[in-house]
N, C-alpha and C. Protein backbone atom coordinates (compact mmCIF):
# COMPACT_ATOMS: atom_id res chain seq x y z
N MET A 1 2.05 -19.87 5.50
CA MET A 1 2.20 -18.95 6.95
C MET A 1 1.20 -18.21 7.09
N PRO A 2 0.40 -17.75 7.77
CA PRO A 2 -0.62 -17.00 8.25
C PRO A 2 0.47 -15.36 8.18
N GLY A 3 -0.16 -14.58 7.30
CA GLY A 3 0.13 -13.26 7.80
C GLY A 3 1.61 -12.84 6.93
N ALA A 4 2.05 -14.08 6.66
CA ALA A 4 3.51 -13.80 6.05
C ALA A 4 3.28 -13.04 4.71
N PRO A 5 4.46 -12.43 4.47
CA PRO A 5 4.11 -11.57 2.99
C PRO A 5 3.86 -12.73 1.85
N LYS A 6 3.44 -12.07 0.83
CA LYS A 6 3.23 -12.82 -0.38
C LYS A 6 4.09 -12.52 -1.83
N PHE A 7 4.73 -13.58 -2.25
CA PHE A 7 5.36 -13.19 -3.67
C PHE A 7 4.52 -12.75 -4.44
N PHE A 8 4.36 -12.30 -5.45
CA PHE A 8 3.17 -12.37 -6.58
C PHE A 8 4.01 -12.40 -7.94
N GLY A 9 5.09 -12.50 -7.89
CA GLY A 9 5.86 -12.64 -9.32
C GLY A 9 6.48 -11.37 -9.39
N LYS A 10 7.13 -10.77 -10.73
CA LYS A 10 7.66 -9.61 -11.25
C LYS A 10 6.83 -9.04 -12.09
N ALA A 11 7.23 -7.62 -12.10
CA ALA A 11 6.68 -6.83 -13.31
C ALA A 11 7.86 -6.09 -13.93
N THR A 12 7.64 -5.90 -15.48
CA THR A 12 8.52 -5.01 -16.24
C THR A 12 8.00 -3.73 -16.34
N VAL A 13 8.81 -2.89 -16.25
CA VAL A 13 8.58 -1.17 -16.35
C VAL A 13 8.78 -1.14 -17.59
N GLY A 14 7.61 -0.46 -18.45
CA GLY A 14 7.84 -0.10 -19.64
C GLY A 14 8.32 1.13 -20.07
N THR A 15 8.35 1.58 -21.62
CA THR A 15 9.11 2.70 -21.79
C THR A 15 8.27 3.72 -21.32
N LYS A 16 7.03 3.90 -21.02
CA LYS A 16 6.23 4.84 -20.12
C LYS A 16 6.66 4.79 -18.79
N GLY A 17 6.98 3.87 -18.09
CA GLY A 17 7.21 3.83 -16.71
C GLY A 17 5.72 3.08 -16.01
N GLN A 18 5.38 2.50 -16.77
CA GLN A 18 4.19 1.88 -16.12
C GLN A 18 4.61 0.33 -16.02
N ILE A 19 3.89 -0.07 -15.19
CA ILE A 19 3.97 -1.67 -14.81
C ILE A 19 2.18 -2.29 -14.65
N VAL A 20 2.50 -3.73 -15.10
CA VAL A 20 1.12 -4.35 -14.78
C VAL A 20 1.48 -5.05 -13.51
N ILE A 21 -0.01 -4.85 -12.54
CA ILE A 21 0.23 -5.47 -11.39
C ILE A 21 -0.29 -6.66 -11.68
N PRO A 22 0.35 -8.34 -11.30
CA PRO A 22 -0.46 -9.08 -11.59
C PRO A 22 -1.61 -9.20 -11.06
N ALA A 23 -1.88 -10.56 -11.81
CA ALA A 23 -3.69 -10.70 -11.57
C ALA A 23 -3.71 -11.06 -10.07
N GLU A 24 -2.94 -12.14 -9.85
CA GLU A 24 -2.98 -12.74 -8.23
C GLU A 24 -3.32 -11.61 -7.32
N ALA A 25 -2.47 -10.60 -7.35
CA ALA A 25 -2.37 -9.56 -6.91
C ALA A 25 -3.37 -8.77 -6.68
N ARG A 26 -4.12 -8.35 -7.65
CA ARG A 26 -5.03 -7.20 -7.88
C ARG A 26 -6.07 -8.19 -7.03
N LYS A 27 -6.20 -9.54 -7.58
CA LYS A 27 -7.41 -10.59 -7.18
C LYS A 27 -7.15 -10.11 -5.34
N THR A 28 -6.07 -10.51 -4.78
CA THR A 28 -5.71 -10.73 -3.39
C THR A 28 -6.08 -9.50 -2.49
N LEU A 29 -5.82 -8.38 -3.23
CA LEU A 29 -5.82 -6.89 -2.56
C LEU A 29 -6.99 -6.13 -3.20
N GLY A 30 -8.12 -6.97 -3.91
CA GLY A 30 -9.19 -6.28 -4.25
C GLY A 30 -9.00 -4.92 -5.06
N ILE A 31 -7.94 -4.99 -5.67
CA ILE A 31 -7.77 -4.02 -6.67
C ILE A 31 -8.47 -3.81 -8.13
N LYS A 32 -9.23 -3.09 -8.24
CA LYS A 32 -9.95 -3.58 -9.80
C LYS A 32 -9.84 -2.29 -10.62
N PRO A 33 -9.94 -2.71 -11.86
CA PRO A 33 -10.05 -1.33 -12.69
C PRO A 33 -10.64 -0.19 -12.65
N GLY A 34 -9.99 1.07 -12.66
CA GLY A 34 -10.26 2.27 -12.52
C GLY A 34 -9.82 2.48 -10.90
N ASP A 35 -9.50 1.84 -9.95
CA ASP A 35 -8.98 2.03 -8.72
C ASP A 35 -7.73 2.95 -8.40
N SER A 36 -7.66 3.58 -7.49
CA SER A 36 -6.28 4.13 -7.31
C SER A 36 -5.49 3.54 -5.98
N VAL A 37 -3.90 3.69 -6.34
CA VAL A 37 -3.30 3.09 -5.51
C VAL A 37 -2.24 4.13 -5.03
N ILE A 38 -1.88 4.18 -3.55
CA ILE A 38 -0.88 4.99 -3.22
C ILE A 38 0.58 4.10 -3.17
N ILE A 39 1.37 5.12 -3.52
CA ILE A 39 2.78 4.68 -3.88
C ILE A 39 4.00 5.27 -2.87
N ILE A 40 4.24 4.57 -2.10
CA ILE A 40 5.18 4.91 -0.87
C ILE A 40 6.54 4.30 -1.11
N SER A 41 7.68 5.18 -0.95
CA SER A 41 9.10 4.43 -0.93
C SER A 41 9.66 4.31 0.38
N GLY A 42 10.33 3.31 0.49
CA GLY A 42 11.08 2.72 1.63
C GLY A 42 12.06 3.81 2.17
N PRO A 43 13.04 2.98 3.33
CA PRO A 43 14.00 3.87 3.55
C PRO A 43 14.66 4.51 2.32
N PRO A 44 15.57 5.42 2.46
CA PRO A 44 16.02 6.17 1.44
C PRO A 44 17.14 5.62 0.91
N GLN A 45 17.88 4.63 1.72
CA GLN A 45 19.18 3.96 1.22
C GLN A 45 18.62 2.52 0.22
N LYS A 46 17.19 2.05 0.42
CA LYS A 46 16.49 1.02 -0.12
C LYS A 46 15.71 1.60 -1.28
N LYS A 47 15.88 0.82 -2.25
CA LYS A 47 15.20 0.79 -3.66
C LYS A 47 13.86 0.04 -3.29
N ILE A 48 12.66 0.26 -2.37
CA ILE A 48 11.62 -0.25 -1.90
C ILE A 48 10.58 0.55 -2.18
N ILE A 49 9.66 -0.14 -2.81
CA ILE A 49 8.29 0.57 -2.87
C ILE A 49 6.97 -0.36 -2.65
N SER A 50 5.91 0.45 -2.00
CA SER A 50 4.92 -0.18 -1.58
C SER A 50 4.08 0.21 -2.08
N LEU A 51 2.87 -0.55 -3.00
CA LEU A 51 1.49 -0.42 -3.42
C LEU A 51 0.22 -0.64 -2.48
N ILE A 52 -0.39 0.53 -2.16
CA ILE A 52 -1.67 0.21 -1.12
C ILE A 52 -2.67 0.49 -1.73
N PRO A 53 -3.91 -0.06 -1.63
CA PRO A 53 -5.20 0.37 -2.29
C PRO A 53 -5.44 1.65 -1.68
N GLU A 54 -6.12 2.70 -2.20
CA GLU A 54 -6.17 4.19 -1.59
C GLU A 54 -7.29 3.54 -0.56
N VAL A 55 -8.12 3.24 -0.77
CA VAL A 55 -8.96 2.79 0.35
C VAL A 55 -8.56 2.47 1.58
N GLU A 56 -7.81 1.08 1.80
CA GLU A 56 -7.13 0.84 2.77
C GLU A 56 -6.22 1.92 3.41
N PHE A 57 -5.67 2.35 2.56
CA PHE A 57 -4.43 3.76 2.88
C PHE A 57 -5.37 4.72 3.59
N ASN A 58 -6.35 4.94 3.32
CA ASN A 58 -7.62 6.38 3.52
C ASN A 58 -8.25 5.38 5.11
N GLU A 59 -8.54 4.35 5.22
CA GLU A 59 -8.90 3.64 6.18
C GLU A 59 -7.80 3.81 7.21
N PHE A 60 -6.39 3.44 7.01
CA PHE A 60 -5.07 3.28 7.76
C PHE A 60 -4.94 4.70 8.35
N LEU A 61 -5.36 5.65 7.36
CA LEU A 61 -5.19 7.43 8.52
C LEU A 61 -6.23 7.58 9.59
N LYS A 62 -7.48 7.29 8.81
CA LYS A 62 -8.34 7.63 9.57
C LYS A 62 -8.07 7.00 11.34
N PHE A 63 -7.80 5.98 10.93
CA PHE A 63 -7.46 4.93 12.55
C PHE A 63 -6.41 5.71 12.88
N LEU A 64 -5.23 6.04 12.29
CA LEU A 64 -4.08 6.70 13.08
C LEU A 64 -4.71 8.10 13.85
N GLU A 65 -5.56 8.64 12.99
CA GLU A 65 -5.84 10.08 13.21
C GLU A 65 -6.62 9.71 14.74
N GLU A 66 -7.46 8.80 14.40
CA GLU A 66 -8.20 8.69 16.13
C GLU A 66 -7.38 8.32 17.11
N HIS A 67 -6.18 7.40 16.91
CA HIS A 67 -5.63 7.11 17.94
C HIS A 67 -4.66 8.16 18.32
N LEU A 68 -4.16 8.87 17.67
CA LEU A 68 -3.36 10.24 17.83
C LEU A 68 -3.97 11.22 18.27
N SER A 69 -5.07 11.32 18.28
CA SER A 69 -5.91 12.04 19.05
C SER A 69 -6.20 11.45 20.73
N MET A 70 -6.69 10.20 20.58
CA MET A 70 -6.66 9.56 22.01
C MET A 70 -5.20 10.22 22.84
N MET A 71 -4.35 9.79 22.12
CA MET A 71 -2.98 10.17 22.96
C MET A 71 -2.52 11.57 23.24
N LYS A 72 -2.90 12.44 22.31
CA LYS A 72 -3.05 13.89 22.81
C LYS A 72 -3.69 13.85 23.77
N LYS A 73 -4.89 13.56 23.96
CA LYS A 73 -5.64 13.88 25.26
C LYS A 73 -5.04 13.26 26.68
N GLU A 74 -4.56 12.39 26.25
CA GLU A 74 -3.58 11.50 27.42
C GLU A 74 -2.08 12.50 27.88
N VAL A 75 -1.84 13.13 27.15
CA VAL A 75 -0.34 13.75 27.23
C VAL A 75 -0.84 15.12 27.56
N THR A 76 -1.97 16.00 27.28
CA THR A 76 -2.16 17.43 27.82
C THR A 76 -2.99 17.39 28.64
């Protein structure tokens, strides 16, 4: 199903709190050695985290800033 979330398997948290992102996930998301990822938690009552490539997150923030700026101009 296009656009549906993809299940990439599971990862075990090591003794130092590290996880290995599965190869298929790294390939699909374009994550390469040395890349940074943003880690975001879900709602407070849920134990959910999201990993977002930093480049994608920065592009999202830029998009959001531009649209918020346009909305502010409309309101004021």
